Amino acid sequence: MKAHHLNTSELAEIVRLSPSKISKVLSGDQKFTSDALGILIKELGIHPNWLFGYEGEPQTVMYMKDLVHKSEVEKLEARIRELKDELGEVYKQLAQERRVK
C-alpha cells in the first residue's frame, strides 16, 4: 500500500473487497482471497513470491516487470562462458610468450 500510495479504501476498491475486510487482512485476522491475490499480482504487477514471503526484502516490493526472462539469463551466461574462454586463451598466449622470452 505504501509503495502505491494507497489507503485502505483504495486498496479495497482495487481488489474488490470491503474496507473492513482489508483492515482485517492488514491486522492479520483474515487472509486475502485467492481472487484478491490474483488482482494484486495482475493489477499492481507484484511478484507472487514476494507477496508470499519467499523472495526479496519485506520493505522493498518486488515487481514482475523487474524480472529478467530466463532466455536473457541464458544468453548472458553463454556470453560469460565465451569471455572466460577468451580470457583463458589470452592467458595461455601470455604464458607462452613469457616462456619464449
PDB file of N, CA and C in Angstrom:
ATOM      1  N   MET A   1       0.828  -1.188   0.000  1.00  0.00           N
ATOM      2  CA  MET A   1       0.000   0.000   0.000  1.00  0.00           C
ATOM      3  C   MET A   1       0.875   1.256   0.000  1.00  0.00           C
ATOM      4  N   LYS A   2       1.952   1.218   0.795  1.00  0.00           N
ATOM      5  CA  LYS A   2       2.836   2.383   0.852  1.00  0.00           C
ATOM      6  C   LYS A   2       3.485   2.646  -0.494  1.00  0.00           C
ATOM      7  N   ALA A   3       3.947   1.593  -1.138  1.00  0.00           N
ATOM      8  CA  ALA A   3       4.635   1.747  -2.416  1.00  0.00           C
ATOM      9  C   ALA A   3       3.731   2.358  -3.479  1.00  0.00           C
ATOM     10  N   HIS A   4       2.442   2.100  -3.389  1.00  0.00           N
ATOM     11  CA  HIS A   4       1.490   2.610  -4.376  1.00  0.00           C
ATOM     12  C   HIS A   4       0.669   3.775  -3.838  1.00  0.00           C
ATOM     13  N   HIS A   5       1.017   4.216  -2.632  1.00  0.00           N
ATOM     14  CA  HIS A   5       0.339   5.351  -2.006  1.00  0.00           C
ATOM     15  C   HIS A   5      -1.172   5.135  -1.949  1.00  0.00           C
ATOM     16  N   LEU A   6      -1.540   3.947  -1.459  1.00  0.00           N
ATOM     17  CA  LEU A   6      -2.961   3.590  -1.368  1.00  0.00           C
ATOM     18  C   LEU A   6      -3.407   3.587   0.085  1.00  0.00           C
ATOM     19  N   ASN A   7      -4.634   4.023   0.307  1.00  0.00           N
ATOM     20  CA  ASN A   7      -5.222   3.854   1.636  1.00  0.00           C
ATOM     21  C   ASN A   7      -6.083   2.589   1.605  1.00  0.00           C
ATOM     22  N   THR A   8      -6.658   2.268   2.733  1.00  0.00           N
ATOM     23  CA  THR A   8      -7.447   1.038   2.852  1.00  0.00           C
ATOM     24  C   THR A   8      -8.608   1.002   1.863  1.00  0.00           C
ATOM     25  N   SER A   9      -9.305   2.102   1.716  1.00  0.00           N
ATOM     26  CA  SER A   9     -10.453   2.152   0.801  1.00  0.00           C
ATOM     27  C   SER A   9     -10.032   1.961  -0.652  1.00  0.00           C
ATOM     28  N   GLU A  10      -8.904   2.589  -1.026  1.00  0.00           N
ATOM     29  CA  GLU A  10      -8.425   2.462  -2.405  1.00  0.00           C
ATOM     30  C   GLU A  10      -7.990   1.030  -2.711  1.00  0.00           C
ATOM     31  N   LEU A  11      -7.283   0.418  -1.763  1.00  0.00           N
ATOM     32  CA  LEU A  11      -6.881  -0.977  -1.959  1.00  0.00           C
ATOM     33  C   LEU A  11      -8.112  -1.874  -2.032  1.00  0.00           C
ATOM     34  N   ALA A  12      -9.076  -1.622  -1.180  1.00  0.00           N
ATOM     35  CA  ALA A  12     -10.314  -2.412  -1.182  1.00  0.00           C
ATOM     36  C   ALA A  12     -10.997  -2.339  -2.537  1.00  0.00           C
ATOM     37  N   GLU A  13     -11.011  -1.165  -3.115  1.00  0.00           N
ATOM     38  CA  GLU A  13     -11.639  -0.991  -4.420  1.00  0.00           C
ATOM     39  C   GLU A  13     -10.887  -1.778  -5.500  1.00  0.00           C
ATOM     40  N   ILE A  14      -9.572  -1.729  -5.441  1.00  0.00           N
ATOM     41  CA  ILE A  14      -8.768  -2.437  -6.442  1.00  0.00           C
ATOM     42  C   ILE A  14      -9.002  -3.948  -6.373  1.00  0.00           C
ATOM     43  N   VAL A  15      -8.967  -4.501  -5.157  1.00  0.00           N
ATOM     44  CA  VAL A  15      -9.081  -5.961  -5.022  1.00  0.00           C
ATOM     45  C   VAL A  15     -10.515  -6.445  -4.845  1.00  0.00           C
ATOM     46  N   ARG A  16     -11.453  -5.504  -4.935  1.00  0.00           N
ATOM     47  CA  ARG A  16     -12.885  -5.820  -4.885  1.00  0.00           C
ATOM     48  C   ARG A  16     -13.311  -6.492  -3.568  1.00  0.00           C
ATOM     49  N   LEU A  17     -12.797  -5.924  -2.465  1.00  0.00           N
ATOM     50  CA  LEU A  17     -13.189  -6.365  -1.130  1.00  0.00           C
ATOM     51  C   LEU A  17     -13.634  -5.143  -0.340  1.00  0.00           C
ATOM     52  N   SER A  18     -14.292  -5.369   0.766  1.00  0.00           N
ATOM     53  CA  SER A  18     -14.733  -4.240   1.593  1.00  0.00           C
ATOM     54  C   SER A  18     -13.543  -3.675   2.372  1.00  0.00           C
ATOM     55  N   PRO A  19     -13.592  -2.391   2.702  1.00  0.00           N
ATOM     56  CA  PRO A  19     -12.525  -1.809   3.525  1.00  0.00           C
ATOM     57  C   PRO A  19     -12.363  -2.527   4.863  1.00  0.00           C
ATOM     58  N   SER A  20     -13.482  -3.009   5.437  1.00  0.00           N
ATOM     59  CA  SER A  20     -13.373  -3.733   6.714  1.00  0.00           C
ATOM     60  C   SER A  20     -12.621  -5.054   6.537  1.00  0.00           C
ATOM     61  N   LYS A  21     -12.838  -5.736   5.412  1.00  0.00           N
ATOM     62  CA  LYS A  21     -12.103  -6.974   5.118  1.00  0.00           C
ATOM     63  C   LYS A  21     -10.606  -6.662   4.976  1.00  0.00           C
ATOM     64  N   ILE A  22     -10.287  -5.564   4.291  1.00  0.00           N
ATOM     65  CA  ILE A  22      -8.888  -5.161   4.132  1.00  0.00           C
ATOM     66  C   ILE A  22      -8.271  -4.890   5.500  1.00  0.00           C
ATOM     67  N   SER A  23      -8.992  -4.206   6.355  1.00  0.00           N
ATOM     68  CA  SER A  23      -8.491  -3.922   7.708  1.00  0.00           C
ATOM     69  C   SER A  23      -8.202  -5.213   8.471  1.00  0.00           C
ATOM     70  N   LYS A  24      -9.079  -6.191   8.327  1.00  0.00           N
ATOM     71  CA  LYS A  24      -8.880  -7.481   8.990  1.00  0.00           C
ATOM     72  C   LYS A  24      -7.670  -8.215   8.421  1.00  0.00           C
ATOM     73  N   VAL A  25      -7.468  -8.105   7.107  1.00  0.00           N
ATOM     74  CA  VAL A  25      -6.300  -8.725   6.478  1.00  0.00           C
ATOM     75  C   VAL A  25      -5.030  -8.046   6.993  1.00  0.00           C
ATOM     76  N   LEU A  26      -5.036  -6.725   7.042  1.00  0.00           N
ATOM     77  CA  LEU A  26      -3.869  -5.978   7.491  1.00  0.00           C
ATOM     78  C   LEU A  26      -3.536  -6.241   8.954  1.00  0.00           C
ATOM     79  N   SER A  27      -4.551  -6.504   9.757  1.00  0.00           N
ATOM     80  CA  SER A  27      -4.311  -6.791  11.183  1.00  0.00           C
ATOM     81  C   SER A  27      -3.925  -8.260  11.405  1.00  0.00           C
ATOM     82  N   GLY A  28      -4.053  -9.078  10.361  1.00  0.00           N
ATOM     83  CA  GLY A  28      -3.688 -10.490  10.474  1.00  0.00           C
ATOM     84  C   GLY A  28      -4.828 -11.385  10.914  1.00  0.00           C
ATOM     85  N   ASP A  29      -6.021 -10.823  11.068  1.00  0.00           N
ATOM     86  CA  ASP A  29      -7.178 -11.615  11.498  1.00  0.00           C
ATOM     87  C   ASP A  29      -7.760 -12.469  10.375  1.00  0.00           C
ATOM     88  N   GLN A  30      -7.578 -12.017   9.128  1.00  0.00           N
ATOM     89  CA  GLN A  30      -8.063 -12.769   7.971  1.00  0.00           C
ATOM     90  C   GLN A  30      -6.998 -12.753   6.887  1.00  0.00           C
ATOM     91  N   LYS A  31      -7.226 -13.540   5.861  1.00  0.00           N
ATOM     92  CA  LYS A  31      -6.303 -13.595   4.728  1.00  0.00           C
ATOM     93  C   LYS A  31      -7.016 -13.119   3.469  1.00  0.00           C
ATOM     94  N   PHE A  32      -6.199 -12.669   2.508  1.00  0.00           N
ATOM     95  CA  PHE A  32      -6.771 -12.304   1.217  1.00  0.00           C
ATOM     96  C   PHE A  32      -7.364 -13.528   0.543  1.00  0.00           C
ATOM     97  N   THR A  33      -8.394 -13.333  -0.225  1.00  0.00           N
ATOM     98  CA  THR A  33      -8.928 -14.415  -1.048  1.00  0.00           C
ATOM     99  C   THR A  33      -7.954 -14.649  -2.203  1.00  0.00           C
ATOM    100  N   SER A  34      -8.057 -15.788  -2.828  1.00  0.00           N
ATOM    101  CA  SER A  34      -7.181 -16.066  -3.978  1.00  0.00           C
ATOM    102  C   SER A  34      -7.462 -15.087  -5.114  1.00  0.00           C
ATOM    103  N   ASP A  35      -8.730 -14.693  -5.260  1.00  0.00           N
ATOM    104  CA  ASP A  35      -9.080 -13.694  -6.286  1.00  0.00           C
ATOM    105  C   ASP A  35      -8.384 -12.365  -6.011  1.00  0.00           C
ATOM    106  N   ALA A  36      -8.395 -11.940  -4.754  1.00  0.00           N
ATOM    107  CA  ALA A  36      -7.768 -10.666  -4.378  1.00  0.00           C
ATOM    108  C   ALA A  36      -6.261 -10.729  -4.626  1.00  0.00           C
ATOM    109  N   LEU A  37      -5.647 -11.846  -4.300  1.00  0.00           N
ATOM    110  CA  LEU A  37      -4.203 -12.004  -4.560  1.00  0.00           C
ATOM    111  C   LEU A  37      -3.915 -11.949  -6.047  1.00  0.00           C
ATOM    112  N   GLY A  38      -4.748 -12.601  -6.828  1.00  0.00           N
ATOM    113  CA  GLY A  38      -4.579 -12.567  -8.279  1.00  0.00           C
ATOM    114  C   GLY A  38      -4.668 -11.153  -8.821  1.00  0.00           C
ATOM    115  N   ILE A  39      -5.588 -10.379  -8.267  1.00  0.00           N
ATOM    116  CA  ILE A  39      -5.738  -8.982  -8.701  1.00  0.00           C
ATOM    117  C   ILE A  39      -4.493  -8.175  -8.319  1.00  0.00           C
ATOM    118  N   LEU A  40      -3.984  -8.381  -7.105  1.00  0.00           N
ATOM    119  CA  LEU A  40      -2.764  -7.677  -6.685  1.00  0.00           C
ATOM    120  C   LEU A  40      -1.605  -7.984  -7.634  1.00  0.00           C
ATOM    121  N   ILE A  41      -1.477  -9.244  -7.983  1.00  0.00           N
ATOM    122  CA  ILE A  41      -0.402  -9.659  -8.880  1.00  0.00           C
ATOM    123  C   ILE A  41      -0.580  -9.031 -10.257  1.00  0.00           C
ATOM    124  N   LYS A  42      -1.802  -9.090 -10.773  1.00  0.00           N
ATOM    125  CA  LYS A  42      -2.057  -8.600 -12.125  1.00  0.00           C
ATOM    126  C   LYS A  42      -2.106  -7.075 -12.208  1.00  0.00           C
ATOM    127  N   GLU A  43      -2.905  -6.462 -11.374  1.00  0.00           N
ATOM    128  CA  GLU A  43      -3.137  -5.020 -11.473  1.00  0.00           C
ATOM    129  C   GLU A  43      -1.951  -4.191 -10.989  1.00  0.00           C
ATOM    130  N   LEU A  44      -1.299  -4.633  -9.927  1.00  0.00           N
ATOM    131  CA  LEU A  44      -0.177  -3.867  -9.391  1.00  0.00           C
ATOM    132  C   LEU A  44       1.165  -4.422  -9.845  1.00  0.00           C
ATOM    133  N   GLY A  45       1.145  -5.578 -10.518  1.00  0.00           N
ATOM    134  CA  GLY A  45       2.373  -6.161 -11.054  1.00  0.00           C
ATOM    135  C   GLY A  45       3.307  -6.705  -9.994  1.00  0.00           C
ATOM    136  N   ILE A  46       2.770  -7.042  -8.841  1.00  0.00           N
ATOM    137  CA  ILE A  46       3.602  -7.512  -7.733  1.00  0.00           C
ATOM    138  C   ILE A  46       3.941  -8.987  -7.933  1.00  0.00           C
ATOM    139  N   HIS A  47       5.203  -9.326  -7.707  1.00  0.00           N
ATOM    140  CA  HIS A  47       5.657 -10.705  -7.883  1.00  0.00           C
ATOM    141  C   HIS A  47       5.047 -11.588  -6.794  1.00  0.00           C
ATOM    142  N   PRO A  48       4.448 -12.721  -7.170  1.00  0.00           N
ATOM    143  CA  PRO A  48       3.794 -13.587  -6.171  1.00  0.00           C
ATOM    144  C   PRO A  48       4.754 -14.103  -5.101  1.00  0.00           C
ATOM    145  N   ASN A  49       5.996 -14.389  -5.459  1.00  0.00           N
ATOM    146  CA  ASN A  49       6.933 -14.889  -4.446  1.00  0.00           C
ATOM    147  C   ASN A  49       7.206 -13.843  -3.372  1.00  0.00           C
ATOM    148  N   TRP A  50       7.157 -12.571  -3.748  1.00  0.00           N
ATOM    149  CA  TRP A  50       7.328 -11.523  -2.748  1.00  0.00           C
ATOM    150  C   TRP A  50       6.084 -11.452  -1.858  1.00  0.00           C
ATOM    151  N   LEU A  51       4.917 -11.546  -2.480  1.00  0.00           N
ATOM    152  CA  LEU A  51       3.670 -11.492  -1.708  1.00  0.00           C
ATOM    153  C   LEU A  51       3.611 -12.579  -0.648  1.00  0.00           C
ATOM    154  N   PHE A  52       4.110 -13.762  -0.985  1.00  0.00           N
ATOM    155  CA  PHE A  52       4.043 -14.892  -0.055  1.00  0.00           C
ATOM    156  C   PHE A  52       5.287 -15.024   0.814  1.00  0.00           C
ATOM    157  N   GLY A  53       6.208 -14.078   0.682  1.00  0.00           N
ATOM    158  CA  GLY A  53       7.371 -14.048   1.560  1.00  0.00           C
ATOM    159  C   GLY A  53       8.504 -14.989   1.192  1.00  0.00           C
ATOM    160  N   TYR A  54       8.543 -15.480  -0.050  1.00  0.00           N
ATOM    161  CA  TYR A  54       9.588 -16.413  -0.452  1.00  0.00           C
ATOM    162  C   TYR A  54      10.841 -15.728  -0.991  1.00  0.00           C
ATOM    163  N   GLU A  55      10.702 -14.499  -1.511  1.00  0.00           N
ATOM    164  CA  GLU A  55      11.825 -13.795  -2.123  1.00  0.00           C
ATOM    165  C   GLU A  55      11.779 -12.329  -1.777  1.00  0.00           C
ATOM    166  N   GLY A  56      12.951 -11.721  -1.765  1.00  0.00           N
ATOM    167  CA  GLY A  56      13.034 -10.277  -1.607  1.00  0.00           C
ATOM    168  C   GLY A  56      12.935  -9.814  -0.167  1.00  0.00           C
ATOM    169  N   GLU A  57      13.150  -8.526  -0.009  1.00  0.00           N
ATOM    170  CA  GLU A  57      13.081  -7.889   1.301  1.00  0.00           C
ATOM    171  C   GLU A  57      11.652  -7.413   1.561  1.00  0.00           C
ATOM    172  N   PRO A  58      11.154  -7.580   2.777  1.00  0.00           N
ATOM    173  CA  PRO A  58       9.779  -7.174   3.066  1.00  0.00           C
ATOM    174  C   PRO A  58       9.507  -5.690   2.797  1.00  0.00           C
ATOM    175  N   GLN A  59      10.512  -4.842   3.000  1.00  0.00           N
ATOM    176  CA  GLN A  59      10.295  -3.408   2.830  1.00  0.00           C
ATOM    177  C   GLN A  59      10.431  -2.938   1.384  1.00  0.00           C
ATOM    178  N   THR A  60      10.864  -3.800   0.486  1.00  0.00           N
ATOM    179  CA  THR A  60      11.036  -3.423  -0.915  1.00  0.00           C
ATOM    180  C   THR A  60      10.163  -4.316  -1.787  1.00  0.00           C
ATOM    181  N   VAL A  61       9.167  -3.736  -2.408  1.00  0.00           N
ATOM    182  CA  VAL A  61       8.236  -4.504  -3.236  1.00  0.00           C
ATOM    183  C   VAL A  61       8.968  -5.064  -4.450  1.00  0.00           C
ATOM    184  N   MET A  62       8.711  -6.324  -4.746  1.00  0.00           N
ATOM    185  CA  MET A  62       9.293  -6.981  -5.909  1.00  0.00           C
ATOM    186  C   MET A  62       8.232  -7.016  -7.008  1.00  0.00           C
ATOM    187  N   TYR A  63       8.564  -6.427  -8.178  1.00  0.00           N
ATOM    188  CA  TYR A  63       7.597  -6.338  -9.271  1.00  0.00           C
ATOM    189  C   TYR A  63       7.944  -7.304 -10.395  1.00  0.00           C
ATOM    190  N   MET A  64       6.911  -7.784 -11.065  1.00  0.00           N
ATOM    191  CA  MET A  64       7.090  -8.691 -12.194  1.00  0.00           C
ATOM    192  C   MET A  64       7.899  -8.026 -13.304  1.00  0.00           C
ATOM    193  N   LYS A  65       7.699  -6.734 -13.534  1.00  0.00           N
ATOM    194  CA  LYS A  65       8.376  -6.028 -14.626  1.00  0.00           C
ATOM    195  C   LYS A  65       9.886  -5.966 -14.423  1.00  0.00           C
ATOM    196  N   ASP A  66      10.339  -6.155 -13.186  1.00  0.00           N
ATOM    197  CA  ASP A  66      11.770  -6.087 -12.902  1.00  0.00           C
ATOM    198  C   ASP A  66      12.493  -7.415 -13.096  1.00  0.00           C
ATOM    199  N   LEU A  67      11.743  -8.453 -13.377  1.00  0.00           N
ATOM    200  CA  LEU A  67      12.355  -9.763 -13.566  1.00  0.00           C
ATOM    201  C   LEU A  67      13.001  -9.865 -14.942  1.00  0.00           C
ATOM    202  N   VAL A  68      14.042 -10.664 -15.019  1.00  0.00           N
ATOM    203  CA  VAL A  68      14.716 -10.913 -16.291  1.00  0.00           C
ATOM    204  C   VAL A  68      14.245 -12.273 -16.788  1.00  0.00           C
ATOM    205  N   HIS A  69      13.854 -12.324 -18.045  1.00  0.00           N
ATOM    206  CA  HIS A  69      13.367 -13.568 -18.624  1.00  0.00           C
ATOM    207  C   HIS A  69      14.502 -14.600 -18.662  1.00  0.00           C
ATOM    208  N   LYS A  70      14.139 -15.847 -18.490  1.00  0.00           N
ATOM    209  CA  LYS A  70      15.106 -16.941 -18.450  1.00  0.00           C
ATOM    210  C   LYS A  70      15.996 -16.950 -19.696  1.00  0.00           C
ATOM    211  N   SER A  71      15.435 -16.675 -20.860  1.00  0.00           N
ATOM    212  CA  SER A  71      16.234 -16.685 -22.089  1.00  0.00           C
ATOM    213  C   SER A  71      17.320 -15.610 -22.043  1.00  0.00           C
ATOM    214  N   GLU A  72      17.017 -14.466 -21.424  1.00  0.00           N
ATOM    215  CA  GLU A  72      18.023 -13.406 -21.291  1.00  0.00           C
ATOM    216  C   GLU A  72      19.142 -13.842 -20.354  1.00  0.00           C
ATOM    217  N   VAL A  73      18.775 -14.500 -19.271  1.00  0.00           N
ATOM    218  CA  VAL A  73      19.782 -15.006 -18.331  1.00  0.00           C
ATOM    219  C   VAL A  73      20.673 -16.026 -19.031  1.00  0.00           C
ATOM    220  N   GLU A  74      20.072 -16.917 -19.814  1.00  0.00           N
ATOM    221  CA  GLU A  74      20.846 -17.927 -20.529  1.00  0.00           C
ATOM    222  C   GLU A  74      21.805 -17.288 -21.530  1.00  0.00           C
ATOM    223  N   LYS A  75      21.353 -16.230 -22.223  1.00  0.00           N
ATOM    224  CA  LYS A  75      22.233 -15.521 -23.164  1.00  0.00           C
ATOM    225  C   LYS A  75      23.420 -14.909 -22.431  1.00  0.00           C
ATOM    226  N   LEU A  76      23.143 -14.281 -21.299  1.00  0.00           N
ATOM    227  CA  LEU A  76      24.214 -13.657 -20.527  1.00  0.00           C
ATOM    228  C   LEU A  76      25.193 -14.700 -19.984  1.00  0.00           C
ATOM    229  N   GLU A  77      24.668 -15.822 -19.534  1.00  0.00           N
ATOM    230  CA  GLU A  77      25.543 -16.889 -19.044  1.00  0.00           C
ATOM    231  C   GLU A  77      26.414 -17.439 -20.167  1.00  0.00           C
ATOM    232  N   ALA A  78      25.854 -17.591 -21.362  1.00  0.00           N
ATOM    233  CA  ALA A  78      26.625 -18.060 -22.516  1.00  0.00           C
ATOM    234  C   ALA A  78      27.730 -17.058 -22.852  1.00  0.00           C
ATOM    235  N   ARG A  79      27.405 -15.768 -22.803  1.00  0.00           N
ATOM    236  CA  ARG A  79      28.403 -14.740 -23.084  1.00  0.00           C
ATOM    237  C   ARG A  79      29.515 -14.752 -22.041  1.00  0.00           C
ATOM    238  N   ILE A  80      29.169 -14.975 -20.795  1.00  0.00           N
ATOM    239  CA  ILE A  80      30.176 -15.077 -19.728  1.00  0.00           C
ATOM    240  C   ILE A  80      31.107 -16.253 -19.988  1.00  0.00           C
ATOM    241  N   ARG A  81      30.551 -17.395 -20.406  1.00  0.00           N
ATOM    242  CA  ARG A  81      31.389 -18.564 -20.724  1.00  0.00           C
ATOM    243  C   ARG A  81      32.337 -18.247 -21.875  1.00  0.00           C
ATOM    244  N   GLU A  82      31.821 -17.552 -22.906  1.00  0.00           N
ATOM    245  CA  GLU A  82      32.666 -17.167 -24.040  1.00  0.00           C
ATOM    246  C   GLU A  82      33.808 -16.270 -23.585  1.00  0.00           C
ATOM    247  N   LEU A  83      33.501 -15.308 -22.756  1.00  0.00           N
ATOM    248  CA  LEU A  83      34.525 -14.389 -22.269  1.00  0.00           C
ATOM    249  C   LEU A  83      35.562 -15.105 -21.408  1.00  0.00           C
ATOM    250  N   LYS A  84      35.107 -16.061 -20.607  1.00  0.00           N
ATOM    251  CA  LYS A  84      36.045 -16.853 -19.804  1.00  0.00           C
ATOM    252  C   LYS A  84      36.973 -17.656 -20.706  1.00  0.00           C
ATOM    253  N   ASP A  85      36.427 -18.245 -21.761  1.00  0.00           N
ATOM    254  CA  ASP A  85      37.238 -18.999 -22.710  1.00  0.00           C
ATOM    255  C   ASP A  85      38.262 -18.099 -23.386  1.00  0.00           C
ATOM    256  N   GLU A  86      37.818 -16.902 -23.810  1.00  0.00           N
ATOM    257  CA  GLU A  86      38.728 -15.943 -24.443  1.00  0.00           C
ATOM    258  C   GLU A  86      39.836 -15.548 -23.478  1.00  0.00           C
ATOM    259  N   LEU A  87      39.469 -15.297 -22.250  1.00  0.00           N
ATOM    260  CA  LEU A  87      40.450 -14.914 -21.246  1.00  0.00           C
ATOM    261  C   LEU A  87      41.460 -16.034 -21.022  1.00  0.00           C
ATOM    262  N   GLY A  88      40.973 -17.264 -21.008  1.00  0.00           N
ATOM    263  CA  GLY A  88      41.864 -18.415 -20.852  1.00  0.00           C
ATOM    264  C   GLY A  88      42.854 -18.507 -22.003  1.00  0.00           C
ATOM    265  N   GLU A  89      42.372 -18.263 -23.228  1.00  0.00           N
ATOM    266  CA  GLU A  89      43.261 -18.306 -24.397  1.00  0.00           C
ATOM    267  C   GLU A  89      44.305 -17.197 -24.328  1.00  0.00           C
ATOM    268  N   VAL A  90      43.897 -16.012 -23.945  1.00  0.00           N
ATOM    269  CA  VAL A  90      44.839 -14.894 -23.823  1.00  0.00           C
ATOM    270  C   VAL A  90      45.877 -15.208 -22.757  1.00  0.00           C
ATOM    271  N   TYR A  91      45.441 -15.781 -21.663  1.00  0.00           N
ATOM    272  CA  TYR A  91      46.364 -16.141 -20.588  1.00  0.00           C
ATOM    273  C   TYR A  91      47.374 -17.178 -21.075  1.00  0.00           C
ATOM    274  N   LYS A  92      46.913 -18.166 -21.834  1.00  0.00           N
ATOM    275  CA  LYS A  92      47.818 -19.188 -22.380  1.00  0.00           C
ATOM    276  C   LYS A  92      48.841 -18.554 -23.312  1.00  0.00           C
ATOM    277  N   GLN A  93      48.387 -17.640 -24.162  1.00  0.00           N
ATOM    278  CA  GLN A  93      49.308 -16.964 -25.084  1.00  0.00           C
ATOM    279  C   GLN A  93      50.333 -16.145 -24.319  1.00  0.00           C
ATOM    280  N   LEU A  94      49.907 -15.462 -23.300  1.00  0.00           N
ATOM    281  CA  LEU A  94      50.825 -14.673 -22.478  1.00  0.00           C
ATOM    282  C   LEU A  94      51.862 -15.568 -21.820  1.00  0.00           C
ATOM    283  N   ALA A  95      51.397 -16.670 -21.269  1.00  0.00           N
ATOM    284  CA  ALA A  95      52.314 -17.603 -20.615  1.00  0.00           C
ATOM    285  C   ALA A  95      53.317 -18.153 -21.623  1.00  0.00           C
ATOM    286  N   GLN A  96      52.874 -18.468 -22.826  1.00  0.00           N
ATOM    287  CA  GLN A  96      53.757 -18.988 -23.857  1.00  0.00           C
ATOM    288  C   GLN A  96      54.779 -17.915 -24.276  1.00  0.00           C
ATOM    289  N   GLU A  97      54.360 -16.685 -24.429  1.00  0.00           N
ATOM    290  CA  GLU A  97      55.260 -15.592 -24.782  1.00  0.00           C
ATOM    291  C   GLU A  97      56.322 -15.378 -23.720  1.00  0.00           C
ATOM    292  N   ARG A  98      55.936 -15.478 -22.473  1.00  0.00           N
ATOM    293  CA  ARG A  98      56.885 -15.334 -21.358  1.00  0.00           C
ATOM    294  C   ARG A  98      57.919 -16.454 -21.367  1.00  0.00           C
ATOM    295  N   ARG A  99      57.483 -17.657 -21.687  1.00  0.00           N
ATOM    296  CA  ARG A  99      58.423 -18.794 -21.740  1.00  0.00           C
ATOM    297  C   ARG A  99      59.426 -18.600 -22.850  1.00  0.00           C
ATOM    298  N   VAL A 100      58.968 -18.058 -23.985  1.00  0.00           N
ATOM    299  CA  VAL A 100      59.847 -17.846 -25.130  1.00  0.00           C
ATOM    300  C   VAL A 100      60.897 -16.802 -24.790  1.00  0.00           C
ATOM    301  N   LYS A 101      60.548 -15.768 -24.059  1.00  0.00           N
ATOM    302  CA  LYS A 101      61.497 -14.725 -23.668  1.00  0.00           C
ATOM    303  C   LYS A 101      62.436 -15.293 -22.677  1.00  0.00           C
TER     304      LYS A 101
END
